[in-house]
Amino acid sequence: MTNIQKELSQLQKFAQIGKRFNNNDLSHLDAPMGAYNYIRMADFIAQHMGDKSGEFLDWGAGYGQITWLLRNRNLNASGYNVEERKHVDAIPELSNLQMACGNDPVKLPFKDSSFSGVCSCGVLEHVSDPVGSLKEIHRILRPGGYFYLFMFPQKTAWVERLSEMRGISVHPVKYTTTQTREMLTKNGFKVEKLWRFNLIPKNLTGMPESMKRIYGRLYRLLYPVDSALSAIPGLNLLSGVIEGVARKV
């Protein structure tokens, strides 16, 4: 069994444990398609950070699946949440992670220049004050430190439009690449790269579990196809998310 297969199996195990407590926060890990998305993000961060030393923060870590994956890749990663997650003690691999918790929706309980890197994996679009949160992330990053943005909803995405029509959208605010770049630049970051992804959906939200399981097994095929399609100008305007990396200046 490869490392990817082992991590996929473990992430799905986390989701199964969560289900026992009626915990929907881990449901996106219950099939290989959704679970692999986190492996993809962790691989990108680890490869981009390379041998850069220092602590890394998984901002809005949830149960800590990204933190866990980054530590598997030898990054000194820890997590941060505003609210503590329930029943995390039932998942030893995650309950043993270093996880800070605050009570302010914007202000972070860390000193200036504490981290070499910070990631937002499906978090920035949900906070009450995105600009205030970006300023706090900028504050706690070291000069030249990196901010990784993943799963940031794109305004022209076909999946977002469909979710709105079905009444299941969880993203009241969506962005264009121009808006994303401007927001990062105005808050002290130099954008290294932005790209679009998720033209092919990874989580069939609202669909039958049997369909999700069958679809999930196609991840080896669909991820590279998605990457290729999401790079086509014009067509990529329909992609679900904007992602990128920016550096503190």
Foldseek 3Di string as FASTA:
>chain_A
DDPLVVLLVLLLVVVVVCVVVVHCPSVLSNFQLSVVVLVVVLVVVLVVCDPPDAEEEAEQCALPSNVLSNVVSVHNYAYEHQDDDPPSVVRVSRVPGHYYYHPDLAADPAAFQRGLEYEYAPHLQPGPDNLSNLLNVLRNHHAFGKYKYHQQFAPQAPVQVVCVVVVNHPGPDHHHVVVVCVSNVVNAKAFPDKFFFANPPRAPPPDDPVVNHVVSVCNVPVRVVRVVQCVDPPSVSNGTHMIGMITGD
